[in-house]
């Protein structure tokens, strides 16, 4: 019978000690809210409760983040009054507690932060995919550029060129009741060299344009004459040897010519304009010398013989620049 009172007093002593030494245990009290207080969430680096609303006063308690307590709506300086338990009040810095409005903002910020993180991850994934695609494209471009540079660095006779040319000829034709002859000038664009037109072959191909009628139309009629001419050719070529920066060549291939002349004729006291059109297929023979001044510039000087309806001689001077003929073609490499 004597042991029971001792047990009773021990239980009471332990309970009282717990209540005195552990006020945090009453943090989530369900008691009625004090006037002017709201539920606040402890959120800080080192949440400390002070006895007075003064940082110089003695710290009373350290609280655990995530716990909720009754705190005053109004601030006393930089402090909220906080109820640790009914009748036990202290002061906590406003930086260590979130009141309802701040809680809502905090939740919004957290949600926005999560959304931003998700969006950032999505953007990063997309960027990663784009970067991978870009890197693949860049690598392909670099490979193509390296191949192109390698092709441009080939020996002279293995390079391909494109450029412009000035073509002079002593044009002949049978017209106006006699065989006529006059010097004509064509300006042209051409492709020349190894693989320039067809892969695996050496050739010279181009188009030539003339922007006037031969002089004999004006001489015979005594009147003005206007006209134009067009000539296109494809000539396989054969190199006859040479050095590192020059070589001679021979070529023979077909050409197509079209010309249009508007000649003014005297008919008594009147003048009448006649339109004269002519088309012909012929054979072009080339004999020339090519010289490379640098890897970026080359010239060609050649003698030409045109097997037209009436054969005639010509000379050509071309200014050419190297290019990579495989660009634009389907790659099999």
C-alpha atoms as a PDB file:
ATOM      1  CA  UNK A   1       0.000   0.000   0.000  1.00  0.00           C
ATOM      2  CA  UNK A   2       2.893   2.383   0.621  1.00  0.00           C
ATOM      3  CA  UNK A   3       4.254   1.975  -2.875  1.00  0.00           C
ATOM      4  CA  UNK A   4       1.147   3.398  -4.557  1.00  0.00           C
ATOM      5  CA  UNK A   5       1.471   6.984  -3.196  1.00  0.00           C
ATOM      6  CA  UNK A   6       5.123   6.993  -4.230  1.00  0.00           C
ATOM      7  CA  UNK A   7       4.166   5.929  -7.761  1.00  0.00           C
ATOM      8  CA  UNK A   8       1.449   8.612  -7.879  1.00  0.00           C
ATOM      9  CA  UNK A   9       3.853  11.374  -6.843  1.00  0.00           C
ATOM     10  CA  UNK A  10       6.439  10.223  -9.362  1.00  0.00           C
ATOM     11  CA  UNK A  11       3.918  10.402 -12.230  1.00  0.00           C
ATOM     12  CA  UNK A  12       2.797  13.870 -11.137  1.00  0.00           C
ATOM     13  CA  UNK A  13       6.407  15.086 -10.902  1.00  0.00           C
ATOM     14  CA  UNK A  14       7.311  13.778 -14.379  1.00  0.00           C
ATOM     15  CA  UNK A  15       4.171  15.338 -15.900  1.00  0.00           C
ATOM     16  CA  UNK A  16       4.855  18.697 -14.251  1.00  0.00           C
ATOM     17  CA  UNK A  17       8.487  18.659 -15.379  1.00  0.00           C
ATOM     18  CA  UNK A  18       7.407  17.884 -18.931  1.00  0.00           C
ATOM     19  CA  UNK A  19       4.983  20.803 -18.943  1.00  0.00           C
ATOM     20  CA  UNK A  20       7.602  23.200 -17.587  1.00  0.00           C
ATOM     21  CA  UNK A  21      10.547  22.092 -19.658  1.00  0.00           C
ATOM     22  CA  UNK A  22       8.759  21.360 -22.926  1.00  0.00           C
ATOM     23  CA  UNK A  23       6.520  24.316 -23.830  1.00  0.00           C
ATOM     24  CA  UNK A  24       7.025  23.491 -27.510  1.00  0.00           C
ATOM     25  CA  UNK A  25       4.792  20.509 -27.065  1.00  0.00           C
ATOM     26  CA  UNK A  26       1.858  22.861 -26.784  1.00  0.00           C
ATOM     27  CA  UNK A  27       2.646  24.581 -30.037  1.00  0.00           C
ATOM     28  CA  UNK A  28      -0.231  23.114 -31.978  1.00  0.00           C
ATOM     29  CA  UNK A  29      -2.785  24.048 -29.341  1.00  0.00           C
ATOM     30  CA  UNK A  30      -6.427  23.845 -30.233  1.00  0.00           C
ATOM     31  CA  UNK A  31      -7.341  26.488 -27.695  1.00  0.00           C
ATOM     32  CA  UNK A  32      -9.345  29.506 -28.708  1.00  0.00           C
ATOM     33  CA  UNK A  33      -7.347  32.126 -30.588  1.00  0.00           C
ATOM     34  CA  UNK A  34      -6.312  35.158 -28.548  1.00  0.00           C
ATOM     35  CA  UNK A  35      -7.767  38.424 -29.790  1.00  0.00           C
ATOM     36  CA  UNK A  36      -5.747  39.845 -32.677  1.00  0.00           C
ATOM     37  CA  UNK A  37      -3.781  36.609 -33.207  1.00  0.00           C
ATOM     38  CA  UNK A  38      -3.598  34.339 -36.241  1.00  0.00           C
ATOM     39  CA  UNK A  39      -1.904  31.024 -36.893  1.00  0.00           C
ATOM     40  CA  UNK A  40       1.658  31.529 -38.068  1.00  0.00           C
ATOM     41  CA  UNK A  41       4.137  29.065 -39.556  1.00  0.00           C
ATOM     42  CA  UNK A  42       7.660  29.004 -38.185  1.00  0.00           C
ATOM     43  CA  UNK A  43      10.074  29.404 -41.090  1.00  0.00           C
ATOM     44  CA  UNK A  44      13.552  30.785 -40.482  1.00  0.00           C
ATOM     45  CA  UNK A  45      17.255  30.039 -40.332  1.00  0.00           C
ATOM     46  CA  UNK A  46      17.341  29.976 -36.501  1.00  0.00           C
ATOM     47  CA  UNK A  47      13.873  30.769 -35.071  1.00  0.00           C
ATOM     48  CA  UNK A  48      14.429  32.321 -31.622  1.00  0.00           C
ATOM     49  CA  UNK A  49      11.750  33.586 -29.212  1.00  0.00           C
ATOM     50  CA  UNK A  50      12.744  36.576 -27.053  1.00  0.00           C
ATOM     51  CA  UNK A  51      11.305  37.687 -23.719  1.00  0.00           C
ATOM     52  CA  UNK A  52      11.014  41.248 -24.967  1.00  0.00           C
ATOM     53  CA  UNK A  53      10.535  42.865 -28.378  1.00  0.00           C
ATOM     54  CA  UNK A  54      14.228  43.628 -28.486  1.00  0.00           C
ATOM     55  CA  UNK A  55      17.131  41.759 -30.075  1.00  0.00           C
ATOM     56  CA  UNK A  56      19.260  42.756 -27.085  1.00  0.00           C
ATOM     57  CA  UNK A  57      16.930  40.989 -24.662  1.00  0.00           C
ATOM     58  CA  UNK A  58      17.663  37.489 -23.476  1.00  0.00           C
ATOM     59  CA  UNK A  59      16.656  34.666 -25.912  1.00  0.00           C
ATOM     60  CA  UNK A  60      14.017  32.457 -24.417  1.00  0.00           C
ATOM     61  CA  UNK A  61      13.334  29.512 -26.746  1.00  0.00           C
ATOM     62  CA  UNK A  62      14.427  28.103 -30.048  1.00  0.00           C
ATOM     63  CA  UNK A  63      11.564  26.790 -32.172  1.00  0.00           C
ATOM     64  CA  UNK A  64      11.424  24.110 -34.835  1.00  0.00           C
ATOM     65  CA  UNK A  65      10.664  25.044 -38.445  1.00  0.00           C
ATOM     66  CA  UNK A  66       7.330  23.811 -39.738  1.00  0.00           C
ATOM     67  CA  UNK A  67       5.484  24.208 -36.430  1.00  0.00           C
ATOM     68  CA  UNK A  68       2.435  26.498 -36.096  1.00  0.00           C
ATOM     69  CA  UNK A  69       1.740  28.964 -33.264  1.00  0.00           C
ATOM     70  CA  UNK A  70      -0.639  31.786 -32.477  1.00  0.00           C
ATOM     71  CA  UNK A  71       1.084  35.051 -33.468  1.00  0.00           C
ATOM     72  CA  UNK A  72      -0.117  38.646 -33.420  1.00  0.00           C
ATOM     73  CA  UNK A  73      -1.373  40.236 -36.619  1.00  0.00           C
ATOM     74  CA  UNK A  74       0.263  43.536 -35.742  1.00  0.00           C
ATOM     75  CA  UNK A  75       3.966  44.009 -35.479  1.00  0.00           C
ATOM     76  CA  UNK A  76       5.790  45.564 -32.581  1.00  0.00           C
ATOM     77  CA  UNK A  77       8.752  46.917 -34.460  1.00  0.00           C
ATOM     78  CA  UNK A  78      10.255  43.930 -36.303  1.00  0.00           C
ATOM     79  CA  UNK A  79       8.553  41.396 -33.949  1.00  0.00           C
ATOM     80  CA  UNK A  80       5.340  39.406 -33.786  1.00  0.00           C
ATOM     81  CA  UNK A  81       4.060  38.502 -30.349  1.00  0.00           C
ATOM     82  CA  UNK A  82       3.846  34.712 -30.115  1.00  0.00           C
ATOM     83  CA  UNK A  83       1.871  32.484 -27.769  1.00  0.00           C
ATOM     84  CA  UNK A  84       3.915  29.460 -26.768  1.00  0.00           C
ATOM     85  CA  UNK A  85       1.049  28.179 -24.627  1.00  0.00           C
ATOM     86  CA  UNK A  86      -1.928  29.857 -23.013  1.00  0.00           C
ATOM     87  CA  UNK A  87      -0.659  32.639 -20.804  1.00  0.00           C
ATOM     88  CA  UNK A  88       2.944  32.285 -22.012  1.00  0.00           C
ATOM     89  CA  UNK A  89       3.887  34.977 -24.546  1.00  0.00           C
ATOM     90  CA  UNK A  90       7.124  35.961 -26.205  1.00  0.00           C
ATOM     91  CA  UNK A  91       8.388  37.799 -29.279  1.00  0.00           C
ATOM     92  CA  UNK A  92       9.663  36.337 -32.528  1.00  0.00           C
ATOM     93  CA  UNK A  93      11.233  38.264 -35.452  1.00  0.00           C
ATOM     94  CA  UNK A  94       8.903  38.687 -38.422  1.00  0.00           C
ATOM     95  CA  UNK A  95      11.601  37.129 -40.616  1.00  0.00           C
ATOM     96  CA  UNK A  96      11.147  33.802 -38.798  1.00  0.00           C
ATOM     97  CA  UNK A  97       7.363  33.426 -39.079  1.00  0.00           C
ATOM     98  CA  UNK A  98       4.859  33.454 -41.938  1.00  0.00           C
ATOM     99  CA  UNK A  99       1.359  34.808 -41.308  1.00  0.00           C
ATOM    100  CA  UNK A 100      -1.590  33.745 -43.552  1.00  0.00           C
ATOM    101  CA  UNK A 101      -1.037  36.332 -46.327  1.00  0.00           C
ATOM    102  CA  UNK A 102       2.635  35.514 -46.410  1.00  0.00           C
ATOM    103  CA  UNK A 103       1.795  31.807 -46.354  1.00  0.00           C
ATOM    104  CA  UNK A 104      -0.379  32.227 -49.442  1.00  0.00           C
ATOM    105  CA  UNK A 105       2.376  34.188 -51.173  1.00  0.00           C
ATOM    106  CA  UNK A 106       4.937  31.616 -50.095  1.00  0.00           C
ATOM    107  CA  UNK A 107       2.798  28.787 -51.458  1.00  0.00           C
ATOM    108  CA  UNK A 108       2.295  30.724 -54.701  1.00  0.00           C
ATOM    109  CA  UNK A 109       6.018  31.369 -54.926  1.00  0.00           C
ATOM    110  CA  UNK A 110       6.763  27.694 -54.266  1.00  0.00           C
ATOM    111  CA  UNK A 111       4.242  26.593 -56.899  1.00  0.00           C
ATOM    112  CA  UNK A 112       5.597  29.154 -59.343  1.00  0.00           C
ATOM    113  CA  UNK A 113       9.097  28.032 -58.525  1.00  0.00           C
ATOM    114  CA  UNK A 114       8.134  24.405 -59.171  1.00  0.00           C
ATOM    115  CA  UNK A 115       6.424  25.395 -62.420  1.00  0.00           C
ATOM    116  CA  UNK A 116       9.493  27.408 -63.414  1.00  0.00           C
ATOM    117  CA  UNK A 117      11.728  24.466 -62.599  1.00  0.00           C
ATOM    118  CA  UNK A 118       9.528  22.149 -64.668  1.00  0.00           C
ATOM    119  CA  UNK A 119       9.424  24.633 -67.533  1.00  0.00           C
ATOM    120  CA  UNK A 120      13.162  25.141 -67.211  1.00  0.00           C
ATOM    121  CA  UNK A 121      13.658  21.382 -67.360  1.00  0.00           C
ATOM    122  CA  UNK A 122      11.434  21.194 -70.426  1.00  0.00           C
ATOM    123  CA  UNK A 123      13.326  24.083 -72.008  1.00  0.00           C
ATOM    124  CA  UNK A 124      16.602  22.435 -71.092  1.00  0.00           C
ATOM    125  CA  UNK A 125      15.385  19.183 -72.666  1.00  0.00           C
ATOM    126  CA  UNK A 126      14.297  21.058 -75.772  1.00  0.00           C
ATOM    127  CA  UNK A 127      17.547  23.026 -75.800  1.00  0.00           C
ATOM    128  CA  UNK A 128      19.431  19.793 -75.356  1.00  0.00           C
ATOM    129  CA  UNK A 129      17.584  18.259 -78.300  1.00  0.00           C
ATOM    130  CA  UNK A 130      18.094  21.428 -80.338  1.00  0.00           C
ATOM    131  CA  UNK A 131      21.733  21.617 -79.306  1.00  0.00           C
ATOM    132  CA  UNK A 132      22.205  17.979 -80.287  1.00  0.00           C
ATOM    133  CA  UNK A 133      20.611  18.678 -83.664  1.00  0.00           C
ATOM    134  CA  UNK A 134      22.654  21.855 -84.070  1.00  0.00           C
ATOM    135  CA  UNK A 135      25.832  20.072 -83.084  1.00  0.00           C
ATOM    136  CA  UNK A 136      25.071  17.338 -85.603  1.00  0.00           C
ATOM    137  CA  UNK A 137      24.436  19.989 -88.277  1.00  0.00           C
ATOM    138  CA  UNK A 138      27.599  21.869 -87.321  1.00  0.00           C
ATOM    139  CA  UNK A 139      29.627  18.663 -87.416  1.00  0.00           C
ATOM    140  CA  UNK A 140      28.173  17.834 -90.832  1.00  0.00           C
ATOM    141  CA  UNK A 141      28.952  21.368 -92.028  1.00  0.00           C
ATOM    142  CA  UNK A 142      32.498  21.088 -90.684  1.00  0.00           C
ATOM    143  CA  UNK A 143      32.957  17.751 -92.453  1.00  0.00           C
ATOM    144  CA  UNK A 144      31.593  19.236 -95.683  1.00  0.00           C
ATOM    145  CA  UNK A 145      33.813  22.293 -95.290  1.00  0.00           C
ATOM    146  CA  UNK A 146      36.862  20.115 -94.659  1.00  0.00           C
ATOM    147  CA  UNK A 147      36.032  18.006 -97.712  1.00  0.00           C
ATOM    148  CA  UNK A 148      35.499  21.132 -99.781  1.00  0.00           C
ATOM    149  CA  UNK A 149      38.840  22.600 -98.664  1.00  0.00           C
ATOM    150  CA  UNK A 150      40.520  19.312 -99.460  1.00  0.00           C
ATOM    151  CA  UNK A 151      39.012  19.343-102.941  1.00  0.00           C
ATOM    152  CA  UNK A 152      40.071  22.965-103.504  1.00  0.00           C
ATOM    153  CA  UNK A 153      43.607  22.042-102.469  1.00  0.00           C
ATOM    154  CA  UNK A 154      43.886  19.411-105.199  1.00  0.00           C
ATOM    155  CA  UNK A 155      46.425  19.705-108.028  1.00  0.00           C
ATOM    156  CA  UNK A 156      45.476  22.210-110.699  1.00  0.00           C
ATOM    157  CA  UNK A 157      44.295  19.699-113.298  1.00  0.00           C
ATOM    158  CA  UNK A 158      42.054  18.006-110.689  1.00  0.00           C
ATOM    159  CA  UNK A 159      40.230  21.187-109.711  1.00  0.00           C
ATOM    160  CA  UNK A 160      36.898  22.511-110.981  1.00  0.00           C
ATOM    161  CA  UNK A 161      36.398  26.171-111.911  1.00  0.00           C
ATOM    162  CA  UNK A 162      33.594  28.559-112.727  1.00  0.00           C
ATOM    163  CA  UNK A 163      33.685  32.115-113.988  1.00  0.00           C
ATOM    164  CA  UNK A 164      33.148  34.525-116.841  1.00  0.00           C
ATOM    165  CA  UNK A 165      34.634  34.791-120.290  1.00  0.00           C
ATOM    166  CA  UNK A 166      35.082  37.219-123.151  1.00  0.00           C
ATOM    167  CA  UNK A 167      34.656  35.533-126.551  1.00  0.00           C
ATOM    168  CA  UNK A 168      35.526  37.125-129.891  1.00  0.00           C
ATOM    169  CA  UNK A 169      34.805  35.550-133.286  1.00  0.00           C
ATOM    170  CA  UNK A 170      34.940  36.406-136.954  1.00  0.00           C
ATOM    171  CA  UNK A 171      31.369  35.366-137.586  1.00  0.00           C
ATOM    172  CA  UNK A 172      30.330  34.281-141.066  1.00  0.00           C
ATOM    173  CA  UNK A 173      26.961  33.517-142.618  1.00  0.00           C
ATOM    174  CA  UNK A 174      25.266  33.326-145.986  1.00  0.00           C
ATOM    175  CA  UNK A 175      22.578  36.015-145.984  1.00  0.00           C
ATOM    176  CA  UNK A 176      21.188  38.870-148.107  1.00  0.00           C
ATOM    177  CA  UNK A 177      22.352  37.120-151.289  1.00  0.00           C
ATOM    178  CA  UNK A 178      26.044  36.766-150.318  1.00  0.00           C
ATOM    179  CA  UNK A 179      28.478  35.373-147.778  1.00  0.00           C
ATOM    180  CA  UNK A 180      28.929  37.961-145.067  1.00  0.00           C
ATOM    181  CA  UNK A 181      31.574  38.312-142.372  1.00  0.00           C
ATOM    182  CA  UNK A 182      31.913  40.487-139.228  1.00  0.00           C
ATOM    183  CA  UNK A 183      33.563  40.495-135.840  1.00  0.00           C
ATOM    184  CA  UNK A 184      31.183  39.650-133.010  1.00  0.00           C
ATOM    185  CA  UNK A 185      31.595  39.698-129.225  1.00  0.00           C
ATOM    186  CA  UNK A 186      29.973  37.373-126.734  1.00  0.00           C
ATOM    187  CA  UNK A 187      30.032  37.514-122.954  1.00  0.00           C
ATOM    188  CA  UNK A 188      29.683  34.187-121.191  1.00  0.00           C
ATOM    189  CA  UNK A 189      29.510  32.107-118.047  1.00  0.00           C
ATOM    190  CA  UNK A 190      31.316  28.778-117.958  1.00  0.00           C
ATOM    191  CA  UNK A 191      32.193  25.721-115.894  1.00  0.00           C
ATOM    192  CA  UNK A 192      35.546  24.088-116.537  1.00  0.00           C
ATOM    193  CA  UNK A 193      37.754  21.356-115.191  1.00  0.00           C
ATOM    194  CA  UNK A 194      37.509  18.078-113.339  1.00  0.00           C
ATOM    195  CA  UNK A 195      33.921  17.076-112.406  1.00  0.00           C
ATOM    196  CA  UNK A 196      32.764  20.602-113.269  1.00  0.00           C
ATOM    197  CA  UNK A 197      29.703  19.479-115.212  1.00  0.00           C
ATOM    198  CA  UNK A 198      29.601  15.695-115.032  1.00  0.00           C
ATOM    199  CA  UNK A 199      31.140  13.642-112.258  1.00  0.00           C
ATOM    200  CA  UNK A 200      34.144  11.659-113.362  1.00  0.00           C
ATOM    201  CA  UNK A 201      34.854  13.731-116.476  1.00  0.00           C
ATOM    202  CA  UNK A 202      36.846  16.781-117.595  1.00  0.00           C
ATOM    203  CA  UNK A 203      34.786  19.216-119.600  1.00  0.00           C
ATOM    204  CA  UNK A 204      34.113  22.832-120.456  1.00  0.00           C
ATOM    205  CA  UNK A 205      30.512  24.026-120.636  1.00  0.00           C
ATOM    206  CA  UNK A 206      29.044  27.481-120.956  1.00  0.00           C
ATOM    207  CA  UNK A 207      26.566  29.936-122.361  1.00  0.00           C
ATOM    208  CA  UNK A 208      27.472  33.004-124.460  1.00  0.00           C
ATOM    209  CA  UNK A 209      25.350  36.080-125.171  1.00  0.00           C
ATOM    210  CA  UNK A 210      25.796  38.750-127.853  1.00  0.00           C
ATOM    211  CA  UNK A 211      23.794  41.982-127.705  1.00  0.00           C
ATOM    212  CA  UNK A 212      24.049  43.421-131.194  1.00  0.00           C
ATOM    213  CA  UNK A 213      23.553  42.473-134.831  1.00  0.00           C
ATOM    214  CA  UNK A 214      26.644  41.863-137.004  1.00  0.00           C
ATOM    215  CA  UNK A 215      27.915  45.026-138.675  1.00  0.00           C
ATOM    216  CA  UNK A 216      27.248  43.782-142.234  1.00  0.00           C
ATOM    217  CA  UNK A 217      23.481  44.193-141.761  1.00  0.00           C
ATOM    218  CA  UNK A 218      24.014  47.929-141.351  1.00  0.00           C
ATOM    219  CA  UNK A 219      26.584  48.070-144.167  1.00  0.00           C
ATOM    220  CA  UNK A 220      24.392  46.295-146.734  1.00  0.00           C
ATOM    221  CA  UNK A 221      21.078  47.962-145.901  1.00  0.00           C
ATOM    222  CA  UNK A 222      22.465  51.392-145.095  1.00  0.00           C
ATOM    223  CA  UNK A 223      20.096  51.461-142.134  1.00  0.00           C
ATOM    224  CA  UNK A 224      20.184  50.561-138.466  1.00  0.00           C
ATOM    225  CA  UNK A 225      19.974  46.940-137.349  1.00  0.00           C
ATOM    226  CA  UNK A 226      19.466  45.473-133.895  1.00  0.00           C
ATOM    227  CA  UNK A 227      19.821  41.937-132.695  1.00  0.00           C
ATOM    228  CA  UNK A 228      21.069  39.378-130.203  1.00  0.00           C
ATOM    229  CA  UNK A 229      22.636  35.951-130.318  1.00  0.00           C
ATOM    230  CA  UNK A 230      22.891  33.029-127.910  1.00  0.00           C
ATOM    231  CA  UNK A 231      25.304  30.108-127.968  1.00  0.00           C
ATOM    232  CA  UNK A 232      25.558  27.146-125.546  1.00  0.00           C
ATOM    233  CA  UNK A 233      28.220  24.440-125.673  1.00  0.00           C
ATOM    234  CA  UNK A 234      29.469  21.328-123.879  1.00  0.00           C
ATOM    235  CA  UNK A 235      33.006  20.271-124.774  1.00  0.00           C
ATOM    236  CA  UNK A 236      34.810  17.237-123.303  1.00  0.00           C
ATOM    237  CA  UNK A 237      38.454  18.129-122.757  1.00  0.00           C
ATOM    238  CA  UNK A 238      41.754  16.293-122.929  1.00  0.00           C
ATOM    239  CA  UNK A 239      44.804  17.545-121.047  1.00  0.00           C
ATOM    240  CA  UNK A 240      48.118  17.364-122.821  1.00  0.00           C
ATOM    241  CA  UNK A 241      50.250  17.923-119.749  1.00  0.00           C
ATOM    242  CA  UNK A 242      51.802  20.832-117.936  1.00  0.00           C
ATOM    243  CA  UNK A 243      53.257  21.950-114.608  1.00  0.00           C
ATOM    244  CA  UNK A 244      51.885  22.559-111.113  1.00  0.00           C
ATOM    245  CA  UNK A 245      50.160  25.804-112.128  1.00  0.00           C
ATOM    246  CA  UNK A 246      49.585  25.521-115.857  1.00  0.00           C
ATOM    247  CA  UNK A 247      48.633  23.026-118.532  1.00  0.00           C
ATOM    248  CA  UNK A 248      47.542  22.914-122.149  1.00  0.00           C
ATOM    249  CA  UNK A 249      44.378  21.211-123.320  1.00  0.00           C
ATOM    250  CA  UNK A 250      42.371  20.208-126.344  1.00  0.00           C
ATOM    251  CA  UNK A 251      38.596  19.845-126.563  1.00  0.00           C
ATOM    252  CA  UNK A 252      35.878  19.069-129.091  1.00  0.00           C
ATOM    253  CA  UNK A 253      32.120  19.033-128.568  1.00  0.00           C
ATOM    254  CA  UNK A 254      28.709  20.237-129.786  1.00  0.00           C
ATOM    255  CA  UNK A 255      27.184  23.693-129.578  1.00  0.00           C
ATOM    256  CA  UNK A 256      23.775  25.253-130.253  1.00  0.00           C
ATOM    257  CA  UNK A 257      23.373  28.764-131.661  1.00  0.00           C
ATOM    258  CA  UNK A 258      20.345  31.027-131.965  1.00  0.00           C
ATOM    259  CA  UNK A 259      20.308  34.561-133.371  1.00  0.00           C
ATOM    260  CA  UNK A 260      17.653  37.210-133.904  1.00  0.00           C
ATOM    261  CA  UNK A 261      18.119  40.311-136.081  1.00  0.00           C
ATOM    262  CA  UNK A 262      15.788  43.211-136.777  1.00  0.00           C
ATOM    263  CA  UNK A 263      16.980  44.784-140.047  1.00  0.00           C
ATOM    264  CA  UNK A 264      15.535  47.936-141.575  1.00  0.00           C
ATOM    265  CA  UNK A 265      15.163  47.844-145.379  1.00  0.00           C
ATOM    266  CA  UNK A 266      14.309  50.600-147.876  1.00  0.00           C
ATOM    267  CA  UNK A 267      11.219  49.818-149.965  1.00  0.00           C
ATOM    268  CA  UNK A 268      10.893  52.786-152.311  1.00  0.00           C
ATOM    269  CA  UNK A 269      10.136  55.788-150.161  1.00  0.00           C
ATOM    270  CA  UNK A 270       9.265  53.623-147.172  1.00  0.00           C
ATOM    271  CA  UNK A 271      11.302  51.646-144.682  1.00  0.00           C
ATOM    272  CA  UNK A 272      10.265  48.281-143.395  1.00  0.00           C
ATOM    273  CA  UNK A 273      11.699  46.176-140.551  1.00  0.00           C
ATOM    274  CA  UNK A 274      12.411  42.505-141.207  1.00  0.00           C
ATOM    275  CA  UNK A 275      12.867  39.995-138.426  1.00  0.00           C
ATOM    276  CA  UNK A 276      15.493  37.386-139.197  1.00  0.00           C
ATOM    277  CA  UNK A 277      15.854  34.341-136.914  1.00  0.00           C
ATOM    278  CA  UNK A 278      18.439  31.630-137.309  1.00  0.00           C
ATOM    279  CA  UNK A 279      19.229  28.429-135.376  1.00  0.00           C
ATOM    280  CA  UNK A 280      22.073  25.998-135.928  1.00  0.00           C
ATOM    281  CA  UNK A 281      23.844  22.996-134.377  1.00  0.00           C
ATOM    282  CA  UNK A 282      27.576  22.867-134.786  1.00  0.00           C
ATOM    283  CA  UNK A 283      30.888  21.552-133.489  1.00  0.00           C
ATOM    284  CA  UNK A 284      33.329  23.537-131.403  1.00  0.00           C
ATOM    285  CA  UNK A 285      37.061  22.765-131.320  1.00  0.00           C
ATOM    286  CA  UNK A 286      39.230  24.279-128.554  1.00  0.00           C
ATOM    287  CA  UNK A 287      42.996  24.511-128.153  1.00  0.00           C
ATOM    288  CA  UNK A 288      44.098  26.405-125.075  1.00  0.00           C
ATOM    289  CA  UNK A 289      46.463  27.157-122.225  1.00  0.00           C
ATOM    290  CA  UNK A 290      45.317  27.382-118.595  1.00  0.00           C
ATOM    291  CA  UNK A 291      47.313  29.171-115.920  1.00  0.00           C
ATOM    292  CA  UNK A 292      46.662  29.309-112.159  1.00  0.00           C
ATOM    293  CA  UNK A 293      47.908  32.480-110.420  1.00  0.00           C
ATOM    294  CA  UNK A 294      46.831  31.172-107.002  1.00  0.00           C
ATOM    295  CA  UNK A 295      44.567  28.499-105.606  1.00  0.00           C
ATOM    296  CA  UNK A 296      41.786  31.075-105.822  1.00  0.00           C
ATOM    297  CA  UNK A 297      42.194  32.420-109.373  1.00  0.00           C
ATOM    298  CA  UNK A 298      42.879  30.976-112.808  1.00  0.00           C
ATOM    299  CA  UNK A 299      42.721  32.118-116.439  1.00  0.00           C
ATOM    300  CA  UNK A 300      42.262  30.356-119.765  1.00  0.00           C
ATOM    301  CA  UNK A 301      43.330  31.608-123.162  1.00  0.00           C
ATOM    302  CA  UNK A 302      42.176  29.527-126.113  1.00  0.00           C
ATOM    303  CA  UNK A 303      41.781  29.501-129.862  1.00  0.00           C
ATOM    304  CA  UNK A 304      38.414  28.262-131.140  1.00  0.00           C
ATOM    305  CA  UNK A 305      37.134  26.965-134.401  1.00  0.00           C
ATOM    306  CA  UNK A 306      33.353  26.904-134.878  1.00  0.00           C
ATOM    307  CA  UNK A 307      32.009  24.431-137.440  1.00  0.00           C
ATOM    308  CA  UNK A 308      28.800  26.369-138.122  1.00  0.00           C
ATOM    309  CA  UNK A 309      26.906  26.657-141.416  1.00  0.00           C
ATOM    310  CA  UNK A 310      29.834  28.811-142.408  1.00  0.00           C
ATOM    311  CA  UNK A 311      32.953  27.911-140.315  1.00  0.00           C
ATOM    312  CA  UNK A 312      34.749  30.725-138.495  1.00  0.00           C
ATOM    313  CA  UNK A 313      37.587  31.326-136.051  1.00  0.00           C
ATOM    314  CA  UNK A 314      37.465  32.791-132.574  1.00  0.00           C
ATOM    315  CA  UNK A 315      39.481  33.484-129.449  1.00  0.00           C
ATOM    316  CA  UNK A 316      38.426  33.305-125.803  1.00  0.00           C
ATOM    317  CA  UNK A 317      39.765  34.682-122.509  1.00  0.00           C
ATOM    318  CA  UNK A 318      38.230  33.357-119.287  1.00  0.00           C
ATOM    319  CA  UNK A 319      38.588  34.389-115.637  1.00  0.00           C
ATOM    320  CA  UNK A 320      37.856  31.453-113.380  1.00  0.00           C
ATOM    321  CA  UNK A 321      37.563  30.677-109.681  1.00  0.00           C
ATOM    322  CA  UNK A 322      37.670  27.244-107.995  1.00  0.00           C
ATOM    323  CA  UNK A 323      34.496  25.720-106.573  1.00  0.00           C
ATOM    324  CA  UNK A 324      33.383  22.428-105.091  1.00  0.00           C
ATOM    325  CA  UNK A 325      31.201  20.699-107.724  1.00  0.00           C
ATOM    326  CA  UNK A 326      29.911  18.100-105.251  1.00  0.00           C
ATOM    327  CA  UNK A 327      27.880  20.721-103.347  1.00  0.00           C
ATOM    328  CA  UNK A 328      24.261  20.420-104.341  1.00  0.00           C
ATOM    329  CA  UNK A 329      24.715  16.889-105.643  1.00  0.00           C
ATOM    330  CA  UNK A 330      23.528  13.891-103.665  1.00  0.00           C
ATOM    331  CA  UNK A 331      26.411  12.607-101.567  1.00  0.00           C
ATOM    332  CA  UNK A 332      27.274   8.955-101.751  1.00  0.00           C
ATOM    333  CA  UNK A 333      30.281   9.235 -99.488  1.00  0.00           C
END
